[in-house]
N, C-alpha and C. Protein backbone atom coordinates (compact mmCIF):
# COMPACT_ATOMS: atom_id res chain seq x y z
N UNK A 1 0.78 -1.20 -0.21
CA UNK A 1 -0.07 0.27 0.06
C UNK A 1 0.94 1.05 0.52
N UNK A 2 1.92 1.24 0.66
CA UNK A 2 2.93 1.98 0.82
C UNK A 2 3.19 3.14 -0.49
N UNK A 3 3.93 1.48 -1.05
CA UNK A 3 4.20 1.87 -2.74
C UNK A 3 3.31 2.72 -3.69
N UNK A 4 2.08 2.34 -3.14
CA UNK A 4 1.12 3.28 -4.28
C UNK A 4 0.56 4.29 -4.22
N UNK A 5 0.82 4.95 -3.10
CA UNK A 5 0.57 5.99 -2.17
C UNK A 5 2.25 6.60 -2.86
N UNK A 6 3.08 6.55 -2.75
CA UNK A 6 3.75 7.31 -3.58
C UNK A 6 3.76 6.93 -4.79
N UNK A 7 3.99 6.25 -5.56
CA UNK A 7 3.44 6.12 -6.99
C UNK A 7 2.53 7.07 -7.93
N UNK A 8 1.51 7.62 -6.34
CA UNK A 8 0.18 8.69 -6.85
C UNK A 8 0.56 9.83 -6.70
N UNK A 9 1.52 9.78 -5.34
CA UNK A 9 1.99 11.49 -4.81
C UNK A 9 3.04 11.90 -5.83
N UNK A 10 4.02 11.23 -6.93
CA UNK A 10 4.62 10.96 -7.83
C UNK A 10 3.90 11.50 -9.26
N UNK A 11 2.48 11.07 -9.70
CA UNK A 11 2.05 11.71 -10.79
C UNK A 11 1.26 12.98 -10.21
N UNK A 12 0.41 12.74 -9.11
CA UNK A 12 -0.17 14.43 -8.72
C UNK A 12 1.25 15.12 -8.61
N UNK A 13 2.12 14.84 -8.58
CA UNK A 13 3.33 16.19 -8.53
C UNK A 13 3.26 16.47 -10.22
N UNK A 14 3.82 15.64 -10.89
CA UNK A 14 3.75 15.47 -12.09
C UNK A 14 2.71 16.33 -13.09
N UNK A 15 1.51 15.83 -12.63
CA UNK A 15 0.49 16.77 -13.15
C UNK A 15 0.13 18.29 -12.51
N UNK A 16 0.72 18.25 -11.35
CA UNK A 16 0.66 20.03 -10.71
C UNK A 16 1.61 20.44 -11.11
N UNK A 17 3.12 19.90 -11.33
CA UNK A 17 4.07 21.20 -12.17
C UNK A 17 3.47 21.24 -13.65
N UNK A 18 2.39 19.78 -14.48
CA UNK A 18 2.57 19.67 -16.09
C UNK A 18 1.52 21.65 -16.06
N UNK A 19 0.42 21.23 -15.12
CA UNK A 19 -0.59 22.28 -15.06
C UNK A 19 -0.07 23.44 -15.09
N UNK A 20 0.38 23.65 -13.80
CA UNK A 20 1.17 25.45 -13.88
C UNK A 20 1.45 25.28 -15.11
N UNK A 21 2.88 24.76 -16.20
CA UNK A 21 3.43 25.36 -16.67
C UNK A 21 2.80 25.43 -17.94
N UNK A 22 1.44 24.70 -17.99
CA UNK A 22 0.55 25.19 -18.97
C UNK A 22 0.13 26.32 -18.48
N UNK A 23 -0.23 26.85 -17.19
CA UNK A 23 -1.20 27.70 -17.52
C UNK A 23 -0.47 28.86 -17.28
N UNK A 24 0.89 29.13 -17.38
CA UNK A 24 1.65 30.33 -17.72
C UNK A 24 2.19 30.67 -18.75
N UNK A 25 1.94 29.61 -19.46
CA UNK A 25 2.51 30.18 -21.18
C UNK A 25 1.58 30.57 -21.84
N UNK A 26 1.40 31.63 -22.22
CA UNK A 26 0.86 32.79 -22.69
C UNK A 26 0.40 31.17 -25.11
N UNK A 27 -0.37 31.86 -24.55
CA UNK A 27 -1.55 31.37 -25.74
C UNK A 27 -0.22 31.63 -27.31
N UNK A 28 -0.66 30.86 -27.92
CA UNK A 28 0.18 31.79 -29.82
C UNK A 28 -1.23 31.94 -30.23
N UNK A 29 -0.89 33.52 -31.12
CA UNK A 29 -1.90 33.68 -32.25
C UNK A 29 -0.55 33.57 -32.89
N UNK A 30 -1.64 33.86 -34.36
CA UNK A 30 -1.57 34.51 -35.33
C UNK A 30 -0.41 34.68 -36.10
N UNK A 31 -0.79 36.56 -35.71
CA UNK A 31 0.16 37.48 -35.37
C UNK A 31 -0.36 37.85 -34.18
N UNK A 32 0.13 39.02 -33.74
CA UNK A 32 -0.27 40.01 -33.12
C UNK A 32 -1.44 40.46 -32.84
N UNK A 33 -2.35 40.59 -31.59
CA UNK A 33 -3.59 41.38 -31.60
C UNK A 33 -3.71 42.70 -31.94
N UNK A 34 -2.58 43.38 -31.53
CA UNK A 34 -2.66 45.09 -31.25
C UNK A 34 -1.96 45.16 -32.39
N UNK A 35 -1.32 44.58 -33.44
CA UNK A 35 -0.68 45.53 -34.51
C UNK A 35 -1.50 45.07 -35.90
N UNK A 36 -0.65 46.50 -35.85
CA UNK A 36 -1.66 47.01 -37.38
C UNK A 36 -2.18 45.86 -38.15
N UNK A 37 -1.03 45.44 -38.81
CA UNK A 37 -1.55 44.09 -39.57
C UNK A 37 -2.17 43.24 -39.53
N UNK A 38 -1.85 42.88 -37.76
CA UNK A 38 -3.06 42.09 -37.45
C UNK A 38 -4.67 42.24 -37.69
N UNK A 39 -4.93 43.82 -37.68
CA UNK A 39 -6.21 44.68 -37.29
C UNK A 39 -6.59 45.20 -39.20
N UNK A 40 -6.01 44.93 -39.95
CA UNK A 40 -5.71 44.93 -41.58
C UNK A 40 -6.77 43.50 -41.61
N UNK A 41 -5.24 42.50 -41.14
CA UNK A 41 -6.11 40.79 -41.67
C UNK A 41 -7.47 40.62 -41.48
N UNK A 42 -8.03 41.46 -40.16
CA UNK A 42 -9.14 40.93 -39.26
C UNK A 42 -9.97 41.41 -40.34
N UNK A 43 -9.67 43.13 -41.15
CA UNK A 43 -10.36 44.17 -41.95
C UNK A 43 -10.68 42.48 -43.20
N UNK A 44 -9.73 42.74 -43.48
CA UNK A 44 -9.86 41.84 -44.88
C UNK A 44 -10.51 40.60 -44.61
N UNK A 45 -10.40 39.48 -43.53
CA UNK A 45 -11.52 38.74 -43.37
C UNK A 45 -12.72 38.83 -43.77
N UNK A 46 -12.49 40.07 -42.60
CA UNK A 46 -14.21 40.34 -42.59
C UNK A 46 -14.87 40.20 -44.38
N UNK A 47 -14.20 41.47 -44.37
CA UNK A 47 -14.64 41.71 -45.75
C UNK A 47 -14.83 40.61 -46.85
N UNK A 48 -13.61 39.49 -46.98
CA UNK A 48 -13.77 38.86 -47.36
C UNK A 48 -15.14 37.61 -47.54
N UNK A 49 -15.06 37.61 -46.22
CA UNK A 49 -16.41 36.68 -45.76
C UNK A 49 -17.84 37.26 -45.88
N UNK A 50 -17.63 38.44 -46.14
CA UNK A 50 -18.92 39.06 -46.50
C UNK A 50 -19.25 38.86 -47.89
N UNK A 51 -18.51 38.78 -48.48
CA UNK A 51 -17.91 38.99 -50.38
C UNK A 51 -17.74 37.83 -51.12
N UNK A 52 -17.31 36.47 -50.67
CA UNK A 52 -17.22 35.42 -51.07
C UNK A 52 -16.51 35.44 -52.89
N UNK A 53 -17.42 36.22 -53.72
CA UNK A 53 -17.66 36.37 -54.96
C UNK A 53 -16.39 37.28 -55.25
N UNK A 54 -15.71 37.94 -54.67
CA UNK A 54 -15.44 38.95 -54.89
C UNK A 54 -14.09 38.02 -55.15
N UNK A 55 -13.24 38.32 -56.32
CA UNK A 55 -11.68 38.12 -56.78
C UNK A 55 -10.90 38.63 -56.20
N UNK A 56 -10.75 40.01 -56.00
CA UNK A 56 -9.44 40.96 -55.84
C UNK A 56 -9.80 40.64 -54.00
N UNK A 57 -10.36 40.63 -53.20
CA UNK A 57 -10.66 40.21 -51.77
C UNK A 57 -10.26 38.39 -51.45
N UNK A 58 -10.10 37.33 -52.33
CA UNK A 58 -10.25 36.06 -52.19
C UNK A 58 -8.26 36.20 -52.69
N UNK A 59 -8.05 37.37 -53.43
CA UNK A 59 -7.06 36.75 -53.78
C UNK A 59 -5.65 37.78 -52.31
N UNK A 60 -6.21 38.48 -52.33
CA UNK A 60 -5.69 39.31 -51.31
C UNK A 60 -5.33 38.86 -49.90
N UNK A 61 -6.61 38.06 -49.52
CA UNK A 61 -6.85 37.22 -48.44
C UNK A 61 -5.60 36.31 -48.04
N UNK A 62 -6.15 35.83 -49.49
CA UNK A 62 -4.74 34.56 -49.47
C UNK A 62 -3.12 34.91 -49.62
N UNK A 63 -2.73 35.90 -50.51
CA UNK A 63 -1.41 36.41 -50.29
C UNK A 63 -1.17 36.34 -48.83
N UNK A 64 -2.41 37.85 -48.05
CA UNK A 64 -1.85 38.06 -46.72
C UNK A 64 -1.35 36.71 -45.79
N UNK A 65 -2.70 35.53 -45.92
CA UNK A 65 -2.12 34.31 -45.20
C UNK A 65 -0.71 33.69 -45.21
N UNK A 66 -0.37 33.72 -46.67
CA UNK A 66 0.94 33.67 -47.46
C UNK A 66 2.15 34.11 -46.57
N UNK A 67 1.90 35.71 -47.11
CA UNK A 67 2.94 35.86 -46.30
C UNK A 67 3.55 36.34 -44.78
N UNK A 68 2.39 36.34 -43.81
CA UNK A 68 2.26 35.43 -42.63
C UNK A 68 2.89 34.37 -41.91
N UNK A 69 3.16 33.18 -43.51
CA UNK A 69 3.22 32.13 -43.19
C UNK A 69 1.98 30.74 -42.67
N UNK A 70 1.28 30.90 -43.78
CA UNK A 70 0.36 30.07 -43.09
C UNK A 70 -0.66 29.54 -44.22
N UNK A 71 0.02 28.54 -44.81
CA UNK A 71 -0.36 28.46 -46.14
C UNK A 71 -2.00 27.94 -46.05
N UNK A 72 -1.94 26.96 -44.81
CA UNK A 72 -4.04 25.89 -44.74
C UNK A 72 -4.63 27.67 -44.69
N UNK A 73 -4.57 28.23 -44.28
CA UNK A 73 -5.54 29.32 -44.02
C UNK A 73 -5.68 29.64 -45.97
N UNK A 74 -4.25 30.36 -46.46
CA UNK A 74 -4.77 30.43 -47.97
C UNK A 74 -5.11 29.29 -49.07
N UNK A 75 -4.87 28.54 -48.37
CA UNK A 75 -5.83 27.13 -49.22
C UNK A 75 -7.14 26.85 -48.73
N UNK A 76 -7.30 27.32 -47.63
CA UNK A 76 -9.22 27.59 -47.24
C UNK A 76 -9.88 28.49 -47.05
N UNK A 77 -9.19 29.92 -48.09
CA UNK A 77 -9.81 30.61 -48.12
C UNK A 77 -9.81 30.94 -49.87
N UNK A 78 -8.77 30.05 -50.37
CA UNK A 78 -9.80 29.92 -52.21
C UNK A 78 -10.34 29.19 -51.83
N UNK A 79 -10.37 28.21 -51.27
CA UNK A 79 -11.25 26.65 -51.61
C UNK A 79 -12.63 27.26 -50.96
N UNK A 80 -12.46 28.51 -50.10
CA UNK A 80 -14.30 28.49 -49.91
C UNK A 80 -15.06 29.68 -50.88
N UNK A 81 -14.08 29.95 -51.50
CA UNK A 81 -14.94 31.08 -52.59
C UNK A 81 -15.27 30.23 -54.12
N UNK A 82 -15.98 30.63 -54.54
CA UNK A 82 -17.48 29.90 -55.54
C UNK A 82 -16.24 29.59 -56.72
N UNK A 83 -16.75 28.67 -57.31
CA UNK A 83 -16.17 27.57 -58.63
C UNK A 83 -15.56 29.25 -59.43
N UNK A 84 -16.73 30.08 -59.81
CA UNK A 84 -16.15 30.91 -60.94
C UNK A 84 -15.54 31.63 -60.32
N UNK A 85 -14.99 32.39 -58.97
CA UNK A 85 -13.98 32.71 -58.73
C UNK A 85 -12.45 32.22 -58.99
N UNK A 86 -12.74 30.94 -58.38
CA UNK A 86 -11.09 30.03 -58.15
C UNK A 86 -11.18 29.81 -59.54
N UNK A 87 -11.76 29.43 -60.41
CA UNK A 87 -11.18 29.24 -62.06
C UNK A 87 -10.47 30.55 -62.53
N UNK A 88 -10.09 31.59 -61.40
CA UNK A 88 -8.89 32.49 -62.12
C UNK A 88 -7.79 32.59 -61.89
N UNK A 89 -6.82 32.30 -63.15
CA UNK A 89 -5.62 31.09 -63.04
C UNK A 89 -4.64 32.26 -62.00
N UNK A 90 -5.05 33.48 -61.65
CA UNK A 90 -3.97 34.09 -60.27
C UNK A 90 -3.83 33.15 -59.48
N UNK A 91 -5.56 33.08 -58.89
CA UNK A 91 -5.92 33.09 -57.55
C UNK A 91 -5.58 30.96 -57.58
N UNK A 92 -5.69 30.08 -58.89
CA UNK A 92 -5.35 28.92 -59.13
C UNK A 92 -3.66 28.83 -58.51
N UNK A 93 -2.91 30.32 -58.83
CA UNK A 93 -1.69 29.94 -58.99
C UNK A 93 -1.91 30.21 -57.44
N UNK A 94 -2.13 31.51 -56.96
CA UNK A 94 -2.29 31.36 -55.13
C UNK A 94 -2.33 30.34 -54.88
N UNK A 95 -3.02 29.73 -55.09
CA UNK A 95 -3.16 28.03 -54.23
C UNK A 95 -2.40 26.92 -54.19
N UNK A 96 -1.44 27.43 -55.33
CA UNK A 96 -0.44 26.09 -56.20
C UNK A 96 0.96 26.73 -54.76
N UNK A 97 0.76 28.20 -54.98
CA UNK A 97 1.95 28.20 -53.94
C UNK A 97 1.65 27.63 -51.94
N UNK A 98 0.42 28.13 -52.30
CA UNK A 98 0.20 27.44 -50.84
C UNK A 98 0.37 26.18 -50.96
N UNK A 99 -0.08 25.72 -51.73
CA UNK A 99 0.24 23.81 -51.70
C UNK A 99 1.58 24.05 -51.45
N UNK A 100 2.27 24.22 -52.19
CA UNK A 100 4.19 24.43 -51.81
C UNK A 100 4.62 24.72 -50.99
N UNK A 101 3.94 25.64 -50.20
CA UNK A 101 4.33 26.07 -48.85
C UNK A 101 4.07 24.94 -47.56
N UNK A 102 3.17 25.00 -48.01
CA UNK A 102 2.66 23.29 -46.78
C UNK A 102 3.37 21.83 -46.84
N UNK A 103 3.68 21.51 -48.09
CA UNK A 103 4.81 21.19 -48.38
C UNK A 103 4.61 19.46 -49.40
N UNK A 104 3.17 20.06 -49.89
CA UNK A 104 2.44 19.69 -50.98
C UNK A 104 2.76 19.25 -52.36
N UNK A 105 3.86 19.14 -52.53
CA UNK A 105 4.54 19.91 -53.90
C UNK A 105 3.96 18.84 -55.44
N UNK A 106 3.46 17.75 -55.17
CA UNK A 106 2.39 17.12 -56.41
C UNK A 106 1.28 18.35 -56.29
N UNK A 107 0.70 18.24 -55.24
CA UNK A 107 -0.57 18.82 -55.37
C UNK A 107 -0.89 20.14 -55.92
N UNK A 108 0.78 21.19 -55.93
CA UNK A 108 1.34 22.28 -56.30
C UNK A 108 1.54 22.19 -57.60
N UNK A 109 2.25 20.90 -58.44
CA UNK A 109 2.31 21.27 -59.63
C UNK A 109 0.93 20.95 -60.27
N UNK A 110 0.60 19.55 -60.04
CA UNK A 110 -0.56 19.82 -60.46
C UNK A 110 -1.97 21.13 -60.55
N UNK A 111 -1.90 21.73 -60.02
CA UNK A 111 -2.62 23.29 -59.40
C UNK A 111 -1.77 24.20 -60.29
N UNK A 112 -0.67 23.57 -60.42
CA UNK A 112 0.76 25.65 -61.14
C UNK A 112 0.19 24.72 -62.80
N UNK A 113 0.13 23.78 -63.57
CA UNK A 113 -0.52 22.93 -64.21
C UNK A 113 -1.73 23.91 -64.61
N UNK A 114 -2.68 23.38 -64.00
CA UNK A 114 -4.07 24.35 -64.01
C UNK A 114 -3.68 25.41 -64.56
N UNK A 115 -3.40 26.25 -63.06
CA UNK A 115 -3.11 27.82 -63.73
C UNK A 115 -2.78 28.62 -64.93
N UNK A 116 -1.58 27.51 -65.07
CA UNK A 116 -0.50 27.85 -66.33
C UNK A 116 -2.19 27.55 -67.71
N UNK A 117 -2.59 26.54 -67.56
CA UNK A 117 -3.83 25.62 -68.21
C UNK A 117 -4.66 27.18 -68.48
N UNK A 118 -4.95 27.60 -67.70
CA UNK A 118 -6.21 28.75 -67.07
C UNK A 118 -5.97 30.12 -68.28
N UNK A 119 -4.19 29.90 -68.15
CA UNK A 119 -3.50 31.41 -68.46
C UNK A 119 -3.78 31.00 -69.80
N UNK A 120 -3.27 29.89 -70.60
CA UNK A 120 -3.10 29.90 -71.95
C UNK A 120 -4.55 29.85 -72.74
N UNK A 121 -5.33 30.15 -71.85
CA UNK A 121 -6.71 29.12 -72.46
C UNK A 121 -7.25 30.85 -73.11
N UNK A 122 -7.57 30.49 -74.64
CA UNK A 122 -7.93 31.80 -75.73
C UNK A 122 -9.10 31.13 -77.16
N UNK A 123 -9.24 30.09 -76.66
CA UNK A 123 -10.77 30.11 -77.15
C UNK A 123 -12.02 29.66 -76.50
N UNK A 124 -12.71 30.94 -76.87
CA UNK A 124 -13.85 31.16 -76.92
C UNK A 124 -15.13 30.32 -77.02
N UNK A 125 -14.91 29.12 -77.81
CA UNK A 125 -16.12 28.36 -78.10
C UNK A 125 -15.90 27.54 -76.92
N UNK A 126 -14.67 26.78 -76.18
CA UNK A 126 -14.46 25.59 -75.69
C UNK A 126 -14.92 26.33 -74.66
N UNK A 127 -15.70 25.50 -74.35
CA UNK A 127 -16.87 25.95 -72.92
C UNK A 127 -16.01 25.65 -71.03
N UNK A 128 -15.33 24.87 -71.15
CA UNK A 128 -14.31 24.73 -70.20
C UNK A 128 -13.47 26.48 -69.99
N UNK A 129 -13.47 26.78 -71.14
CA UNK A 129 -12.32 28.45 -71.14
C UNK A 129 -13.16 29.81 -71.05
N UNK A 130 -12.62 30.26 -70.28
CA UNK A 130 -12.82 31.09 -70.58
C UNK A 130 -12.34 32.99 -70.45
N UNK A 131 -12.53 33.46 -71.11
CA UNK A 131 -11.88 34.52 -72.38
C UNK A 131 -11.06 35.59 -71.38
N UNK A 132 -11.80 36.06 -70.63
CA UNK A 132 -11.16 36.83 -69.42
C UNK A 132 -10.71 35.80 -68.74
N UNK A 133 -9.78 34.68 -68.65
CA UNK A 133 -8.74 34.68 -68.06
C UNK A 133 -7.22 34.64 -68.64
N UNK A 134 -7.31 35.08 -69.73
CA UNK A 134 -6.33 35.15 -70.63
C UNK A 134 -5.04 35.72 -69.60
N UNK A 135 -3.87 35.85 -69.87
CA UNK A 135 -3.38 36.28 -69.25
C UNK A 135 -2.07 37.46 -69.53
N UNK A 136 -1.66 38.11 -69.43
CA UNK A 136 -0.70 39.04 -69.93
C UNK A 136 0.92 37.98 -69.85
N UNK A 137 1.67 38.75 -70.81
CA UNK A 137 2.50 38.13 -71.07
C UNK A 137 4.07 37.51 -69.28
N UNK A 138 3.56 38.98 -68.85
CA UNK A 138 4.95 39.02 -67.67
C UNK A 138 3.86 37.56 -66.60
N UNK A 139 2.65 37.30 -67.14
CA UNK A 139 2.40 36.51 -65.81
C UNK A 139 1.97 35.15 -66.22
N UNK A 140 2.09 34.89 -67.32
CA UNK A 140 2.39 33.58 -68.70
C UNK A 140 3.67 33.02 -67.39
N UNK A 141 4.76 34.25 -68.06
CA UNK A 141 5.86 33.84 -67.96
C UNK A 141 5.78 33.73 -66.49
N UNK A 142 5.74 34.38 -65.13
CA UNK A 142 6.17 33.37 -64.11
C UNK A 142 5.30 32.35 -64.17
N UNK A 143 4.12 32.60 -64.06
CA UNK A 143 3.36 30.50 -64.43
C UNK A 143 4.15 29.36 -64.39
N UNK A 144 4.42 29.80 -65.64
CA UNK A 144 5.69 29.29 -65.82
C UNK A 144 6.70 28.45 -65.78
N UNK A 145 7.02 29.54 -64.91
CA UNK A 145 8.14 29.76 -64.26
C UNK A 145 7.88 28.99 -63.05
N UNK A 146 7.21 28.99 -62.51
CA UNK A 146 6.43 28.12 -61.45
C UNK A 146 5.98 27.17 -61.41
N UNK A 147 5.35 26.43 -62.92
CA UNK A 147 5.31 25.00 -62.89
C UNK A 147 6.49 24.20 -63.36
N UNK A 148 7.32 24.80 -64.14
CA UNK A 148 8.92 24.41 -63.99
C UNK A 148 9.30 24.18 -62.83
N UNK A 149 9.70 24.75 -62.13
CA UNK A 149 10.34 25.20 -61.27
C UNK A 149 9.93 23.61 -60.11
N UNK A 150 8.69 23.80 -60.25
CA UNK A 150 7.35 22.48 -59.54
C UNK A 150 8.33 20.95 -59.88
N UNK A 151 8.11 21.32 -61.20
CA UNK A 151 7.91 20.00 -61.88
C UNK A 151 9.43 19.42 -61.80
N UNK A 152 10.30 20.26 -61.66
CA UNK A 152 12.14 19.76 -60.97
C UNK A 152 11.69 19.46 -59.32
N UNK A 153 11.12 20.11 -58.96
CA UNK A 153 11.13 20.00 -57.35
C UNK A 153 10.64 18.12 -57.43
N UNK A 154 9.67 17.87 -57.88
CA UNK A 154 8.53 16.49 -58.23
C UNK A 154 9.56 15.42 -58.78
N UNK A 155 10.19 15.99 -59.74
CA UNK A 155 11.10 15.30 -60.56
C UNK A 155 12.51 14.59 -59.50
N UNK A 156 12.89 15.61 -58.66
CA UNK A 156 13.75 15.10 -57.70
C UNK A 156 13.25 14.78 -56.17
N UNK A 157 11.61 14.33 -56.33
CA UNK A 157 11.53 14.04 -55.12
C UNK A 157 11.53 14.85 -53.99
N UNK A 158 11.52 16.36 -53.87
CA UNK A 158 11.61 17.04 -52.29
C UNK A 158 9.97 16.91 -51.90
N UNK A 159 10.11 16.50 -50.92
CA UNK A 159 8.98 16.51 -50.09
C UNK A 159 8.44 17.66 -49.14
N UNK A 160 9.86 18.40 -48.91
CA UNK A 160 9.75 19.77 -47.98
C UNK A 160 10.18 21.19 -48.67
N UNK A 161 10.62 21.79 -49.59
CA UNK A 161 10.36 22.62 -50.64
C UNK A 161 11.48 23.60 -49.69
N UNK A 162 10.73 24.02 -48.22
CA UNK A 162 11.17 25.12 -47.21
C UNK A 162 12.94 24.25 -46.36
N UNK A 163 12.57 23.56 -47.07
CA UNK A 163 13.87 23.76 -46.09
C UNK A 163 15.06 22.25 -47.29
N UNK A 164 14.85 21.86 -47.81
CA UNK A 164 15.53 20.97 -49.52
C UNK A 164 16.01 22.49 -49.65
N UNK A 165 17.16 22.77 -49.92
CA UNK A 165 18.43 23.52 -50.90
C UNK A 165 18.08 23.96 -52.26
N UNK A 166 17.52 22.13 -52.64
CA UNK A 166 17.20 22.43 -53.97
C UNK A 166 15.82 22.87 -54.44
N UNK A 167 15.19 23.17 -53.86
CA UNK A 167 14.34 23.93 -54.15
C UNK A 167 14.44 25.34 -54.67
N UNK A 168 16.02 26.65 -53.84
CA UNK A 168 16.54 27.67 -54.61
C UNK A 168 17.24 27.48 -56.04
N UNK A 169 17.76 25.52 -55.96
CA UNK A 169 18.11 25.64 -57.55
C UNK A 169 17.22 25.32 -58.59
N UNK A 170 16.15 24.93 -58.68
CA UNK A 170 14.51 24.99 -59.09
C UNK A 170 14.41 25.81 -59.87
N UNK A 171 14.83 26.97 -58.67
CA UNK A 171 13.79 28.11 -59.17
C UNK A 171 14.84 28.96 -59.62
N UNK A 172 16.12 28.78 -59.85
CA UNK A 172 17.03 29.65 -60.60
C UNK A 172 16.98 28.97 -61.77
N UNK A 173 17.08 27.48 -61.74
CA UNK A 173 17.19 26.84 -62.99
C UNK A 173 15.73 27.73 -63.79
N UNK A 174 14.77 27.43 -63.13
CA UNK A 174 13.55 27.87 -64.10
C UNK A 174 13.39 29.09 -64.81
N UNK A 175 14.65 30.35 -63.65
CA UNK A 175 14.11 31.60 -64.50
C UNK A 175 14.99 31.41 -65.51
N UNK A 176 16.60 31.10 -65.61
CA UNK A 176 17.46 30.55 -66.59
C UNK A 176 16.57 30.68 -67.70
N UNK A 177 15.91 29.44 -67.47
CA UNK A 177 14.45 29.10 -68.75
C UNK A 177 13.65 30.15 -69.20
N UNK A 178 13.32 30.74 -68.70
CA UNK A 178 12.29 31.56 -68.72
C UNK A 178 12.87 33.15 -69.17
N UNK A 179 14.29 32.93 -68.67
CA UNK A 179 14.58 34.45 -69.11
C UNK A 179 15.73 34.24 -70.19
N UNK A 180 15.97 33.03 -70.54
CA UNK A 180 16.74 32.10 -72.07
C UNK A 180 15.53 32.32 -73.23
N UNK A 181 14.13 32.17 -73.01
CA UNK A 181 12.92 31.99 -73.54
C UNK A 181 12.20 33.12 -74.08
N UNK A 182 12.93 34.04 -73.12
CA UNK A 182 12.65 35.65 -73.66
C UNK A 182 13.22 36.41 -74.37
N UNK A 183 15.06 35.53 -74.51
CA UNK A 183 15.07 36.66 -74.90
C UNK A 183 15.25 36.06 -76.74
N UNK A 184 14.88 35.06 -76.96
CA UNK A 184 14.54 34.24 -78.10
C UNK A 184 13.74 34.74 -78.18
N UNK A 185 12.39 35.19 -77.54
CA UNK A 185 11.51 35.88 -78.03
C UNK A 185 11.43 37.06 -79.03
N UNK A 186 12.54 37.38 -78.82
CA UNK A 186 12.60 39.57 -78.44
C UNK A 186 14.14 38.90 -79.37
N UNK A 187 14.51 38.17 -79.71
CA UNK A 187 15.05 38.49 -81.49
C UNK A 187 15.13 38.65 -82.51
N UNK A 188 15.63 38.47 -83.54
CA UNK A 188 14.91 38.96 -84.52
C UNK A 188 14.87 37.62 -85.34
N UNK A 189 13.61 37.76 -86.05
CA UNK A 189 13.54 36.36 -87.41
C UNK A 189 14.44 36.14 -88.39
N UNK A 190 15.67 35.55 -88.62
CA UNK A 190 16.50 34.90 -89.65
C UNK A 190 15.54 35.01 -91.13
């Protein structure tokens, strides 16, 4: 019986110490609630929740979450938007960035390919094509570069792009390819 009491007292002491340590710890917040950035994010969240079909608000909210290092929230923000909003190539690109930042490289590649396909869309007779989704040359180049970098990451088996040094190499190579392609497009035809 004496041994059981000692074990119970030790367990009680461990629970008391753990409980007091947990109660003394401050909860972690996404951002400092008193900061200007936090207040702006809160206003943006409120505005976006009240106007889910507003493409610009959804893009700004997803970008803010990515900037703050919360790709899961960016994914949720994009996924909560109506389908006609999510079809936008730049918002689809934002979703690919969020998947990449969360370590879902294959999902990021598939989504980047979809963003690029939506950007290429130029056939109004194709029902899956929205002529309004045509992209500028610079946007097309950025989406192509992102897709090429993700292709390399998947080929190389990168599972965590944030910690793998090959990520920077993939982006440098994709950027070099884009630069060479743009120079070739500017060169006079022979």
